[in-house]
Protein backbone atom coordinates (compact mmCIF):
# COMPACT_ATOMS: atom_id res chain seq x y z
CA MET A 1 60.65 -19.21 61.11
CA ASP A 2 57.62 -17.59 62.69
CA ARG A 3 55.18 -17.35 59.77
CA PHE A 4 52.25 -18.50 61.89
CA THR A 5 52.75 -16.91 65.30
CA ASP A 6 49.37 -16.67 67.10
CA ARG A 7 47.47 -17.80 64.01
CA ARG A 8 44.71 -20.37 64.20
CA ILE A 9 44.77 -23.05 61.51
CA LEU A 10 42.37 -25.96 60.99
CA ILE A 11 43.52 -29.08 59.16
CA THR A 12 40.95 -31.73 58.28
CA GLY A 13 42.46 -35.16 57.98
CA GLY A 14 45.19 -33.96 60.31
CA SER A 15 45.64 -37.01 62.52
CA ASN A 16 48.15 -38.71 60.21
CA GLY A 17 50.19 -38.29 57.05
CA MET A 18 50.58 -34.89 55.41
CA GLY A 19 48.04 -33.27 57.72
CA LEU A 20 49.80 -34.36 60.90
CA ALA A 21 53.19 -33.35 59.50
CA GLY A 22 51.75 -29.93 58.72
CA ALA A 23 50.21 -29.58 62.16
CA LYS A 24 53.54 -30.32 63.85
CA GLN A 25 55.32 -27.73 61.73
CA LEU A 26 52.62 -25.12 62.35
CA VAL A 27 52.94 -25.58 66.10
CA ALA A 28 56.72 -25.28 65.78
CA GLU A 29 56.14 -21.95 64.01
CA GLY A 30 53.87 -20.57 66.70
CA ALA A 31 50.40 -21.44 65.45
CA LYS A 32 47.43 -22.80 67.33
CA VAL A 33 46.11 -25.78 65.40
CA ALA A 34 42.91 -27.77 65.25
CA ILE A 35 43.01 -31.12 63.48
CA THR A 36 40.31 -33.61 62.60
CA GLY A 37 40.23 -37.32 61.90
CA ARG A 38 37.91 -40.29 62.14
CA ASN A 39 40.24 -43.02 63.38
CA ALA A 40 40.03 -43.21 67.18
CA ALA A 41 43.53 -44.62 67.67
CA ARG A 42 45.14 -41.96 65.47
CA LEU A 43 43.19 -39.22 67.21
CA ALA A 44 44.34 -40.48 70.61
CA ALA A 45 47.95 -40.54 69.44
CA ALA A 46 47.61 -37.01 68.08
CA ARG A 47 46.15 -35.73 71.36
CA ALA A 48 49.27 -36.98 73.11
CA LEU A 49 51.42 -34.82 70.84
CA PHE A 50 49.79 -31.44 71.42
CA SER A 51 49.01 -29.26 74.41
CA GLN A 52 45.45 -28.36 75.37
CA GLU A 53 45.51 -25.06 73.48
CA HIS A 54 45.32 -27.15 70.32
CA LEU A 55 42.18 -29.06 69.30
CA VAL A 56 41.95 -32.67 68.15
CA LEU A 57 38.44 -33.38 66.88
CA ALA A 58 36.60 -36.45 65.67
CA ASN A 59 34.95 -35.59 62.37
CA ASP A 60 33.96 -37.66 59.36
CA GLY A 61 33.92 -35.76 56.08
CA ALA A 62 31.58 -38.32 54.53
CA GLN A 63 28.74 -37.41 56.89
CA ALA A 64 26.11 -34.83 55.98
CA ASP A 65 26.66 -32.90 59.22
CA THR A 66 30.45 -32.71 58.88
CA GLY A 67 30.50 -28.93 58.35
CA ASP A 68 27.96 -28.08 61.03
CA LYS A 69 29.81 -30.18 63.61
CA LEU A 70 33.10 -28.50 62.80
CA ALA A 71 31.62 -25.01 63.00
CA GLU A 72 30.01 -25.82 66.35
CA ALA A 73 33.23 -27.26 67.78
CA LEU A 74 35.31 -24.28 66.65
CA ALA A 75 32.89 -21.45 67.42
CA ALA A 76 34.38 -20.72 70.85
CA TRP A 77 37.99 -21.42 69.82
CA GLY A 78 38.38 -18.26 67.78
CA PRO A 79 38.38 -17.07 64.15
CA LEU A 80 40.45 -18.99 61.62
CA ASP A 81 43.49 -17.57 59.82
CA GLY A 82 43.87 -20.67 57.69
CA LEU A 83 42.02 -23.78 56.60
CA TRP A 84 43.57 -26.86 55.01
CA LEU A 85 40.83 -29.15 53.69
CA ASN A 86 42.96 -32.27 53.53
CA ALA A 87 40.69 -35.18 54.55
CA GLY A 88 40.11 -37.72 51.83
CA VAL A 89 39.79 -41.37 50.95
CA ALA A 90 41.27 -43.41 48.08
CA VAL A 91 39.58 -46.50 46.72
CA LEU A 92 40.51 -48.51 43.65
CA ASP A 93 37.59 -48.88 41.25
CA ASP A 94 36.64 -50.98 38.26
CA ALA A 95 34.70 -49.25 35.49
CA ALA A 96 32.82 -52.48 34.79
CA GLN A 97 31.77 -52.93 38.42
CA ALA A 98 31.02 -49.38 39.57
CA ASP A 99 28.15 -49.12 42.02
CA CYS A 100 26.43 -46.51 44.15
CA GLY A 101 28.33 -47.55 47.24
CA SER A 102 31.79 -46.95 45.83
CA PHE A 103 30.69 -43.77 44.09
CA ASP A 104 29.12 -42.33 47.24
CA ARG A 105 32.06 -43.22 49.47
CA ILE A 106 34.57 -41.50 47.23
CA MET A 107 32.49 -38.49 46.27
CA TYR A 108 31.03 -37.84 49.71
CA THR A 109 34.41 -37.78 51.45
CA ASN A 110 36.50 -36.09 48.74
CA VAL A 111 33.99 -33.63 47.25
CA ARG A 112 30.88 -33.19 49.37
CA GLY A 113 32.87 -33.12 52.61
CA PRO A 114 35.12 -30.15 51.85
CA THR A 115 32.22 -28.35 50.17
CA LEU A 116 30.05 -28.58 53.27
CA GLN A 117 32.97 -27.83 55.57
CA LEU A 118 33.97 -24.66 53.75
CA SER A 119 30.39 -23.44 53.61
CA ALA A 120 29.87 -23.93 57.34
CA LEU A 121 33.24 -22.46 58.29
CA LEU A 122 33.08 -19.32 56.14
CA PRO A 123 31.71 -17.21 59.01
CA LEU A 124 34.73 -18.27 61.10
CA LEU A 125 37.31 -17.45 58.43
CA LYS A 126 38.97 -14.07 58.83
CA ASP A 127 39.09 -11.71 55.89
CA GLY A 128 42.50 -12.31 54.31
CA ALA A 129 42.60 -15.95 55.40
CA SER A 130 44.06 -18.71 53.27
CA VAL A 131 42.35 -21.95 52.21
CA VAL A 132 44.19 -24.96 50.82
CA LEU A 133 42.52 -28.05 49.38
CA THR A 134 44.27 -31.36 48.80
CA SER A 135 43.77 -32.83 45.35
CA SER A 136 45.92 -35.55 43.75
CA SER A 137 47.93 -36.18 40.62
CA SER A 138 45.32 -38.89 39.97
CA ALA A 139 43.17 -36.11 38.59
CA TYR A 140 45.55 -35.96 35.60
CA GLU A 141 47.02 -39.44 35.33
CA GLY A 142 44.14 -41.38 33.82
CA ALA A 143 45.07 -44.59 35.63
CA ALA A 144 42.66 -47.44 34.90
CA ALA A 145 41.95 -48.23 38.54
CA THR A 146 41.42 -44.72 39.89
CA GLY A 147 38.70 -43.29 37.68
CA LEU A 148 36.33 -42.27 40.47
CA TYR A 149 39.11 -41.07 42.75
CA GLY A 150 40.65 -39.05 39.92
CA ALA A 151 37.26 -37.57 39.09
CA ALA A 152 36.72 -36.57 42.70
CA LYS A 153 40.12 -34.93 42.96
CA GLY A 154 39.53 -33.16 39.65
CA ALA A 155 36.32 -31.78 41.12
CA VAL A 156 38.33 -30.40 44.04
CA ILE A 157 40.46 -28.39 41.61
CA ALA A 158 37.37 -27.01 39.87
CA LEU A 159 35.78 -26.07 43.19
CA ALA A 160 38.92 -24.29 44.36
CA ARG A 161 39.10 -22.15 41.25
CA SER A 162 35.48 -21.10 41.69
CA TRP A 163 35.93 -20.47 45.41
CA ALA A 164 39.00 -18.34 44.71
CA SER A 165 36.80 -16.01 42.64
CA ALA A 166 33.89 -16.10 45.08
CA LEU A 167 36.02 -15.29 48.14
CA ALA A 168 38.34 -12.76 46.54
CA PRO A 169 36.22 -9.80 47.77
CA ARG A 170 37.12 -10.91 51.31
CA LYS A 171 40.81 -11.26 50.31
CA ILE A 172 40.58 -14.97 51.09
CA ARG A 173 42.97 -16.97 48.92
CA VAL A 174 42.07 -20.49 47.78
CA ASN A 175 44.69 -22.84 46.34
CA VAL A 176 45.19 -26.52 45.69
CA LEU A 177 47.96 -28.85 46.80
CA VAL A 178 48.41 -31.62 44.20
CA PRO A 179 50.48 -34.44 45.72
CA GLY A 180 51.87 -37.20 43.55
CA PRO A 181 53.43 -40.31 45.08
CA ILE A 182 53.78 -39.30 48.73
CA GLU A 183 54.41 -41.85 51.49
CA THR A 184 51.67 -41.21 54.04
CA GLY A 185 50.14 -44.66 54.58
CA PHE A 186 47.38 -43.56 52.20
CA ARG A 187 47.93 -46.65 50.05
CA ASP A 188 47.61 -49.14 52.91
CA PHE A 189 44.47 -50.50 51.26
CA LEU A 190 46.66 -51.99 48.51
CA ALA A 191 47.92 -55.57 48.63
CA GLU A 192 51.67 -55.94 49.12
CA GLU A 193 52.22 -56.94 45.49
CA ALA A 194 50.30 -53.90 44.31
CA LYS A 195 52.38 -51.66 46.58
CA ALA A 196 55.58 -53.14 45.16
CA ASN A 197 54.34 -52.57 41.62
CA PHE A 198 53.47 -48.99 42.55
CA GLU A 199 56.95 -48.36 43.90
CA ALA A 200 58.49 -49.81 40.75
CA GLY A 201 56.26 -47.61 38.62
CA VAL A 202 57.38 -44.52 40.50
CA LEU A 203 60.97 -45.13 39.44
CA THR A 204 59.96 -44.98 35.79
CA GLN A 205 57.52 -42.04 36.01
CA VAL A 206 59.18 -39.71 38.50
CA PRO A 207 62.43 -37.99 37.47
CA LEU A 208 63.52 -37.77 41.10
CA ALA A 209 63.10 -41.58 41.19
CA ARG A 210 61.63 -41.82 44.66
CA VAL A 211 58.44 -41.44 46.65
CA GLY A 212 58.09 -38.14 48.48
CA ASP A 213 57.50 -37.94 52.22
CA ALA A 214 54.69 -36.33 54.18
CA GLU A 215 56.84 -33.43 55.37
CA GLU A 216 57.70 -32.44 51.81
CA ALA A 217 54.03 -32.22 50.88
CA ALA A 218 53.17 -30.41 54.12
CA ASN A 219 55.87 -27.82 53.47
CA ALA A 220 54.17 -26.91 50.21
CA ALA A 221 50.77 -26.65 51.90
CA LEU A 222 52.20 -24.38 54.59
CA PHE A 223 53.72 -22.14 51.94
CA LEU A 224 50.25 -21.68 50.43
CA LEU A 225 48.78 -21.02 53.87
CA SER A 226 51.41 -18.40 54.65
CA ASP A 227 51.77 -14.76 53.68
CA HIS A 228 54.68 -15.83 51.45
CA ALA A 229 51.96 -16.86 48.97
CA SER A 230 50.04 -13.59 49.31
CA TYR A 231 49.63 -13.09 45.54
CA ILE A 232 48.69 -16.68 44.73
CA THR A 233 45.07 -17.79 44.46
CA GLY A 234 43.14 -20.19 42.26
CA SER A 235 46.38 -22.07 41.61
CA GLN A 236 47.58 -25.66 41.81
CA LEU A 237 50.93 -26.56 43.36
CA PRO A 238 52.16 -30.05 42.36
CA VAL A 239 54.40 -31.92 44.77
CA ASP A 240 55.15 -34.97 42.69
CA GLY A 241 58.87 -35.26 41.98
CA GLY A 242 58.31 -34.14 38.40
CA LEU A 243 55.78 -36.90 37.64
CA ILE A 244 55.65 -37.59 33.92
CA ARG A 245 52.03 -37.49 32.80
CA ARG A 246 50.98 -39.55 29.81
């Protein structure tokens, strides 16, 4: 396939998981990619994978200057054909022990970050470009321990729908990837027992009875980034194995 020949695509949170899987596939299909991350070791490993025509950038979506730094780093690289705002952080929370620190960490990275990034990068986006945001099935699940995370990912969906309307005059499409249980290392913050309980829960809630892999989620994101999704905007694409919502 050559859906992305000579196209420039930026993926935030692209140094591991779904983002890295997507970057590899984009390069295989002829794109020039720029990826961001905040973990030095992962960034170094990613740099070893790609030639110098591709960019690997340190960027923290939780910081107030995240968008300005991205726009500055990309200004000389060329206009963007696609943007996948994928960077995020998951933290378990307790409604009885919520505090400003946990709220800020989750909301800054998952909501403020992509908001500031999109705003700063709009001048670099070509008319007719495609934007994809990563949400999560947590926005719908109502799990007791992911209230703040679910709220943040629900906000991403609301933002995308508004941005789809706002950017339609420029023919820029904005859609949302909604992953369910995808194996990306994203749950490494969980204790081993909690991970085992999660896996067991997947078998009862997911008709396909397994966790998805990063490539499966990335394939859906690339579909939304491509011209194959040319009449899709303001939409949500679940990649969750048929997750049964309560």
